Amino acid sequence: MGIVSRKNDDVPSNPQMAELGREYAIAKRHGDRKALNRITRQVGTSGMSDSDRDSFQKGRESYDSIPPIPRARNRRR
């Protein structure tokens, strides 16, 4: 194991909410408003507890920690 480890042993208490948070982050990065609205409605209808909210946030952060791929230059004129 190296000096700096990126592994995180924090397991979300609710994996379903963590996956929903990950889907939310993916939709936000790609500008998918339809998916964002669907997830927001789904989260709004289910009463979120503090542990669910933390799991959702961990799911978002797990995807947001991955840097986006830089786009290639457009060489056409």
N, C-alpha and C. Protein backbone atom coordinates (compact mmCIF):
# COMPACT_ATOMS: atom_id res chain seq x y z
N MET A 1 0.84 -1.17 0.00
CA MET A 1 0.00 0.00 0.00
C MET A 1 0.89 1.24 0.00
N GLY A 2 0.53 2.22 -0.76
CA GLY A 2 1.34 3.43 -0.88
C GLY A 2 1.10 4.39 0.26
N ILE A 3 1.72 5.52 0.14
CA ILE A 3 1.60 6.54 1.17
C ILE A 3 0.18 7.10 1.20
N VAL A 4 -0.36 7.39 0.03
CA VAL A 4 -1.69 7.96 -0.07
C VAL A 4 -2.62 6.91 -0.66
N SER A 5 -3.68 6.62 0.04
CA SER A 5 -4.64 5.64 -0.44
C SER A 5 -5.96 6.32 -0.73
N ARG A 6 -6.52 6.07 -1.89
CA ARG A 6 -7.81 6.66 -2.24
C ARG A 6 -8.98 5.79 -1.79
N LYS A 7 -8.68 4.60 -1.32
CA LYS A 7 -9.75 3.72 -0.90
C LYS A 7 -10.45 4.30 0.32
N ASN A 8 -11.76 4.19 0.30
CA ASN A 8 -12.56 4.73 1.39
C ASN A 8 -13.42 3.59 1.92
N ASP A 9 -13.32 3.32 3.19
CA ASP A 9 -14.05 2.21 3.79
C ASP A 9 -15.45 2.61 4.24
N ASP A 10 -15.85 3.85 3.98
CA ASP A 10 -17.18 4.30 4.37
C ASP A 10 -18.22 3.65 3.47
N VAL A 11 -18.95 2.70 4.02
CA VAL A 11 -20.01 2.03 3.28
C VAL A 11 -21.32 2.75 3.60
N PRO A 12 -22.06 3.19 2.57
CA PRO A 12 -23.31 3.89 2.85
C PRO A 12 -24.30 2.96 3.54
N SER A 13 -25.10 3.55 4.43
CA SER A 13 -26.05 2.74 5.19
C SER A 13 -27.19 2.25 4.31
N ASN A 14 -27.51 3.00 3.26
CA ASN A 14 -28.58 2.61 2.34
C ASN A 14 -28.01 2.61 0.91
N PRO A 15 -27.61 1.43 0.40
CA PRO A 15 -27.00 1.38 -0.94
C PRO A 15 -27.93 1.85 -2.05
N GLN A 16 -29.23 1.69 -1.86
CA GLN A 16 -30.19 2.12 -2.88
C GLN A 16 -30.16 3.65 -3.02
N MET A 17 -30.10 4.36 -1.90
CA MET A 17 -30.03 5.81 -1.96
C MET A 17 -28.68 6.27 -2.48
N ALA A 18 -27.61 5.52 -2.20
CA ALA A 18 -26.29 5.86 -2.72
C ALA A 18 -26.28 5.73 -4.25
N GLU A 19 -26.91 4.68 -4.75
CA GLU A 19 -27.00 4.50 -6.21
C GLU A 19 -27.84 5.60 -6.85
N LEU A 20 -28.89 6.01 -6.17
CA LEU A 20 -29.73 7.10 -6.67
C LEU A 20 -28.94 8.41 -6.70
N GLY A 21 -28.11 8.64 -5.70
CA GLY A 21 -27.25 9.82 -5.68
C GLY A 21 -26.23 9.79 -6.80
N ARG A 22 -25.71 8.61 -7.09
CA ARG A 22 -24.76 8.45 -8.20
C ARG A 22 -25.45 8.74 -9.53
N GLU A 23 -26.66 8.23 -9.71
CA GLU A 23 -27.41 8.51 -10.94
C GLU A 23 -27.71 10.00 -11.07
N TYR A 24 -27.99 10.65 -9.95
CA TYR A 24 -28.25 12.09 -9.95
C TYR A 24 -27.01 12.86 -10.41
N ALA A 25 -25.83 12.47 -9.90
CA ALA A 25 -24.58 13.14 -10.28
C ALA A 25 -24.28 12.92 -11.76
N ILE A 26 -24.55 11.73 -12.26
CA ILE A 26 -24.32 11.43 -13.67
C ILE A 26 -25.24 12.28 -14.54
N ALA A 27 -26.51 12.36 -14.17
CA ALA A 27 -27.47 13.15 -14.94
C ALA A 27 -27.10 14.63 -14.90
N LYS A 28 -26.63 15.09 -13.76
CA LYS A 28 -26.25 16.50 -13.63
C LYS A 28 -25.04 16.82 -14.50
N ARG A 29 -24.06 15.92 -14.52
CA ARG A 29 -22.86 16.15 -15.34
C ARG A 29 -23.19 16.17 -16.83
N HIS A 30 -24.15 15.33 -17.23
CA HIS A 30 -24.48 15.22 -18.64
C HIS A 30 -25.62 16.16 -19.06
N GLY A 31 -26.16 16.89 -18.12
CA GLY A 31 -27.21 17.85 -18.44
C GLY A 31 -28.54 17.21 -18.78
N ASP A 32 -28.84 16.09 -18.18
CA ASP A 32 -30.09 15.37 -18.43
C ASP A 32 -31.16 15.86 -17.45
N ARG A 33 -31.90 16.89 -17.86
CA ARG A 33 -32.90 17.48 -16.97
C ARG A 33 -34.05 16.53 -16.68
N LYS A 34 -34.38 15.70 -17.64
CA LYS A 34 -35.48 14.76 -17.45
C LYS A 34 -35.17 13.77 -16.32
N ALA A 35 -33.95 13.25 -16.32
CA ALA A 35 -33.54 12.33 -15.27
C ALA A 35 -33.41 13.05 -13.93
N LEU A 36 -32.90 14.28 -13.95
CA LEU A 36 -32.79 15.05 -12.71
C LEU A 36 -34.15 15.27 -12.08
N ASN A 37 -35.13 15.64 -12.89
CA ASN A 37 -36.48 15.86 -12.36
C ASN A 37 -37.10 14.57 -11.84
N ARG A 38 -36.85 13.46 -12.53
CA ARG A 38 -37.39 12.17 -12.10
C ARG A 38 -36.80 11.77 -10.74
N ILE A 39 -35.49 11.93 -10.59
CA ILE A 39 -34.83 11.56 -9.34
C ILE A 39 -35.27 12.50 -8.21
N THR A 40 -35.39 13.79 -8.52
CA THR A 40 -35.84 14.76 -7.51
C THR A 40 -37.24 14.43 -7.01
N ARG A 41 -38.13 14.07 -7.94
CA ARG A 41 -39.49 13.67 -7.53
C ARG A 41 -39.45 12.41 -6.69
N GLN A 42 -38.62 11.46 -7.09
CA GLN A 42 -38.53 10.19 -6.37
C GLN A 42 -38.00 10.41 -4.95
N VAL A 43 -37.02 11.27 -4.81
CA VAL A 43 -36.46 11.56 -3.49
C VAL A 43 -37.45 12.37 -2.66
N GLY A 44 -38.18 13.27 -3.31
CA GLY A 44 -39.15 14.10 -2.60
C GLY A 44 -40.32 13.31 -2.05
N THR A 45 -40.76 12.29 -2.78
CA THR A 45 -41.91 11.51 -2.32
C THR A 45 -41.53 10.55 -1.20
N SER A 46 -40.29 10.08 -1.20
CA SER A 46 -39.87 9.20 -0.11
C SER A 46 -39.30 10.07 1.00
N GLY A 47 -39.83 9.93 2.19
CA GLY A 47 -39.34 10.70 3.32
C GLY A 47 -37.92 10.29 3.64
N MET A 48 -36.98 11.19 3.44
CA MET A 48 -35.57 10.86 3.66
C MET A 48 -35.18 11.10 5.11
N SER A 49 -34.56 10.09 5.71
CA SER A 49 -34.01 10.26 7.04
C SER A 49 -32.58 10.81 6.89
N ASP A 50 -31.94 11.09 7.99
CA ASP A 50 -30.58 11.61 7.94
C ASP A 50 -29.61 10.60 7.34
N SER A 51 -29.81 9.33 7.64
CA SER A 51 -28.91 8.30 7.09
C SER A 51 -29.13 8.16 5.58
N ASP A 52 -30.39 8.29 5.13
CA ASP A 52 -30.67 8.23 3.69
C ASP A 52 -30.03 9.43 2.98
N ARG A 53 -30.12 10.58 3.60
CA ARG A 53 -29.54 11.79 3.01
C ARG A 53 -28.02 11.67 2.91
N ASP A 54 -27.40 11.10 3.96
CA ASP A 54 -25.95 10.89 3.93
C ASP A 54 -25.55 9.89 2.85
N SER A 55 -26.35 8.83 2.69
CA SER A 55 -26.07 7.83 1.65
C SER A 55 -26.20 8.45 0.27
N PHE A 56 -27.22 9.28 0.07
CA PHE A 56 -27.43 9.96 -1.21
C PHE A 56 -26.23 10.87 -1.51
N GLN A 57 -25.77 11.60 -0.50
CA GLN A 57 -24.63 12.51 -0.67
C GLN A 57 -23.35 11.74 -0.96
N LYS A 58 -23.15 10.60 -0.31
CA LYS A 58 -21.96 9.78 -0.58
C LYS A 58 -21.99 9.24 -2.00
N GLY A 59 -23.17 8.89 -2.49
CA GLY A 59 -23.29 8.43 -3.87
C GLY A 59 -22.94 9.53 -4.86
N ARG A 60 -23.42 10.76 -4.58
CA ARG A 60 -23.08 11.90 -5.44
C ARG A 60 -21.58 12.18 -5.42
N GLU A 61 -20.99 12.16 -4.24
CA GLU A 61 -19.57 12.45 -4.11
C GLU A 61 -18.70 11.38 -4.75
N SER A 62 -19.17 10.12 -4.73
CA SER A 62 -18.38 9.06 -5.34
C SER A 62 -18.24 9.26 -6.84
N TYR A 63 -19.26 9.80 -7.49
CA TYR A 63 -19.17 10.08 -8.92
C TYR A 63 -18.49 11.41 -9.18
N ASP A 64 -18.75 12.40 -8.35
CA ASP A 64 -18.14 13.72 -8.54
C ASP A 64 -16.64 13.70 -8.33
N SER A 65 -16.13 12.72 -7.58
CA SER A 65 -14.69 12.64 -7.34
C SER A 65 -13.94 12.16 -8.57
N ILE A 66 -14.65 11.57 -9.54
CA ILE A 66 -14.03 11.14 -10.78
C ILE A 66 -13.95 12.35 -11.71
N PRO A 67 -12.74 12.73 -12.14
CA PRO A 67 -12.64 13.91 -12.99
C PRO A 67 -13.22 13.63 -14.38
N PRO A 68 -13.83 14.64 -15.01
CA PRO A 68 -14.36 14.42 -16.35
C PRO A 68 -13.25 14.24 -17.37
N ILE A 69 -13.55 13.53 -18.44
CA ILE A 69 -12.58 13.30 -19.51
C ILE A 69 -12.51 14.57 -20.35
N PRO A 70 -11.31 15.10 -20.58
CA PRO A 70 -11.22 16.31 -21.40
C PRO A 70 -11.65 16.01 -22.84
N ARG A 71 -12.36 16.95 -23.41
CA ARG A 71 -12.84 16.76 -24.77
C ARG A 71 -11.72 17.00 -25.76
N ALA A 72 -11.74 16.28 -26.86
CA ALA A 72 -10.74 16.43 -27.89
C ALA A 72 -10.95 17.74 -28.64
N ARG A 73 -9.87 18.25 -29.19
CA ARG A 73 -9.97 19.47 -29.96
C ARG A 73 -10.73 19.21 -31.25
N ASN A 74 -11.46 20.19 -31.68
CA ASN A 74 -12.15 20.11 -32.96
C ASN A 74 -11.24 20.74 -34.00
N ARG A 75 -10.68 19.93 -34.85
CA ARG A 75 -9.70 20.42 -35.82
C ARG A 75 -10.33 20.88 -37.12
N ARG A 76 -11.63 20.69 -37.24
CA ARG A 76 -12.29 21.14 -38.47
C ARG A 76 -12.41 22.64 -38.48
N ARG A 77 -12.42 23.20 -39.64
CA ARG A 77 -12.62 24.65 -39.76
C ARG A 77 -13.89 24.92 -40.45
